[in-house]
Protein backbone atom coordinates (compact mmCIF):
# COMPACT_ATOMS: atom_id res chain seq x y z
CA UNK A 1 -33.18 4.24 -5.74
CA UNK A 2 -31.84 7.19 -3.72
CA UNK A 3 -28.39 8.25 -4.92
CA UNK A 4 -25.89 10.82 -3.68
CA UNK A 5 -23.32 12.10 -6.13
CA UNK A 6 -20.50 14.05 -4.45
CA UNK A 7 -17.98 15.49 -6.89
CA UNK A 8 -16.50 18.96 -7.25
CA UNK A 9 -16.83 18.64 -11.04
CA UNK A 10 -20.27 19.97 -11.91
CA UNK A 11 -20.49 18.69 -15.47
CA UNK A 12 -21.04 15.02 -14.68
CA UNK A 13 -23.80 15.74 -12.18
CA UNK A 14 -25.59 17.90 -14.75
CA UNK A 15 -25.37 15.05 -17.26
CA UNK A 16 -26.82 12.61 -14.73
CA UNK A 17 -29.69 14.90 -13.84
CA UNK A 18 -30.64 15.30 -17.50
CA UNK A 19 -30.60 11.63 -18.49
CA UNK A 20 -34.14 10.46 -19.18
CA UNK A 21 -33.29 6.86 -18.29
CA UNK A 22 -32.19 7.94 -14.79
CA UNK A 23 -35.28 10.05 -14.00
CA UNK A 24 -36.78 7.19 -11.98
CA UNK A 25 -33.99 7.63 -9.41
CA UNK A 26 -33.77 10.34 -6.79
CA UNK A 27 -30.30 11.85 -7.35
CA UNK A 28 -28.86 14.46 -4.98
CA UNK A 29 -25.68 16.24 -5.96
CA UNK A 30 -23.16 18.13 -3.87
CA UNK A 31 -19.85 19.71 -4.75
CA UNK A 32 -17.96 19.46 -1.46
CA UNK A 33 -17.25 16.74 1.07
CA UNK A 34 -18.60 18.63 4.08
CA UNK A 35 -22.10 18.78 2.57
CA UNK A 36 -21.80 15.15 1.48
CA UNK A 37 -20.99 14.11 5.04
CA UNK A 38 -24.06 15.94 6.35
CA UNK A 39 -26.25 14.09 3.86
CA UNK A 40 -24.83 10.59 4.30
CA UNK A 41 -25.29 10.81 8.07
CA UNK A 42 -29.03 10.48 7.41
CA UNK A 43 -28.41 6.94 6.08
CA UNK A 44 -31.13 7.49 3.48
CA UNK A 45 -29.03 6.64 0.43
CA UNK A 46 -28.80 3.37 -1.45
CA UNK A 47 -25.77 4.37 -3.50
CA UNK A 48 -23.13 7.06 -2.95
CA UNK A 49 -20.64 8.19 -5.60
CA UNK A 50 -17.83 10.12 -3.95
CA UNK A 51 -14.84 11.89 -5.47
CA UNK A 52 -11.55 11.22 -3.71
CA UNK A 53 -10.35 14.85 -3.87
CA UNK A 54 -13.00 17.34 -2.77
CA UNK A 55 -13.03 20.55 -0.75
CA UNK A 56 -13.81 20.04 2.92
CA UNK A 57 -14.00 16.35 3.80
CA UNK A 58 -12.28 14.11 1.24
CA UNK A 59 -13.73 10.97 -0.27
CA UNK A 60 -11.59 8.62 1.80
CA UNK A 61 -12.92 10.11 5.04
CA UNK A 62 -16.51 9.90 3.78
CA UNK A 63 -16.09 6.22 3.01
CA UNK A 64 -14.41 5.56 6.35
CA UNK A 65 -17.33 7.27 8.10
CA UNK A 66 -19.89 5.24 6.16
CA UNK A 67 -18.16 1.96 6.92
CA UNK A 68 -17.47 2.76 10.60
CA UNK A 69 -21.15 3.60 11.10
CA UNK A 70 -22.49 0.64 9.11
CA UNK A 71 -24.42 2.80 6.68
CA UNK A 72 -26.40 0.77 4.18
CA UNK A 73 -25.31 2.69 1.08
CA UNK A 74 -23.03 1.08 -1.46
CA UNK A 75 -19.98 3.33 -1.84
CA UNK A 76 -18.38 4.17 -5.20
CA UNK A 77 -15.00 5.94 -5.28
CA UNK A 78 -14.37 8.27 -8.22
CA UNK A 79 -10.83 9.52 -8.67
CA UNK A 80 -8.29 10.89 -11.06
CA UNK A 81 -5.59 10.79 -8.38
CA UNK A 82 -2.80 8.37 -9.33
CA UNK A 83 -2.12 7.67 -5.64
CA UNK A 84 -5.63 6.25 -5.13
CA UNK A 85 -5.64 3.12 -7.23
CA UNK A 86 -8.17 0.29 -7.21
CA UNK A 87 -6.45 -1.66 -4.44
CA UNK A 88 -6.09 1.39 -2.19
CA UNK A 89 -9.76 2.18 -2.69
CA UNK A 90 -10.79 -1.40 -1.92
CA UNK A 91 -8.76 -1.22 1.30
CA UNK A 92 -10.98 1.69 2.36
CA UNK A 93 -14.01 -0.51 1.83
CA UNK A 94 -15.49 0.81 -1.41
CA UNK A 95 -17.94 -1.36 -3.29
CA UNK A 96 -17.01 0.07 -6.70
CA UNK A 97 -14.19 2.16 -8.16
CA UNK A 98 -14.15 4.48 -11.18
CA UNK A 99 -10.97 6.10 -12.50
CA UNK A 100 -11.34 9.51 -14.16
CA UNK A 101 -12.02 10.45 -16.81
CA UNK A 102 -15.32 8.62 -16.50
CA UNK A 103 -18.14 8.32 -18.98
CA UNK A 104 -21.79 8.65 -18.09
CA UNK A 105 -22.33 5.04 -19.21
CA UNK A 106 -19.93 3.84 -16.49
CA UNK A 107 -22.04 5.54 -13.84
CA UNK A 108 -25.24 4.20 -15.38
CA UNK A 109 -23.84 0.66 -15.36
CA UNK A 110 -23.18 0.85 -11.63
CA UNK A 111 -26.62 2.32 -10.94
CA UNK A 112 -28.23 -0.43 -13.01
CA UNK A 113 -26.17 -3.12 -11.28
CA UNK A 114 -27.43 -2.13 -7.84
CA UNK A 115 -30.97 -1.43 -9.04
CA UNK A 116 -31.16 -5.01 -10.32
CA UNK A 117 -29.69 -6.42 -7.09
CA UNK A 118 -32.23 -4.54 -4.97
CA UNK A 119 -35.16 -4.94 -7.34
């Protein structure tokens, strides 16, 4: 599975990249929304984790772009912003929602869920 992880917090991406049970997946990580937008335009991703608050393009705009252009990736909103609750995120069209602070197991569960659906 090809996964994009866009979050301005570097620690979680480093954890993901070092997990032996996730080595079978191709995980790209970026720390700003502008770079994430460049990458999702390729439509090569199966799953995209996107932080709501990022430098450059924010997570809401990334999700709107993906949905408006019918990209195939499942979109996961990650946020610690109290103004972006589950229902607001679902209105944007996200497939999954994670409220910060998140644990690596929460991310793994979502990856496994979509790996099983596609596999």
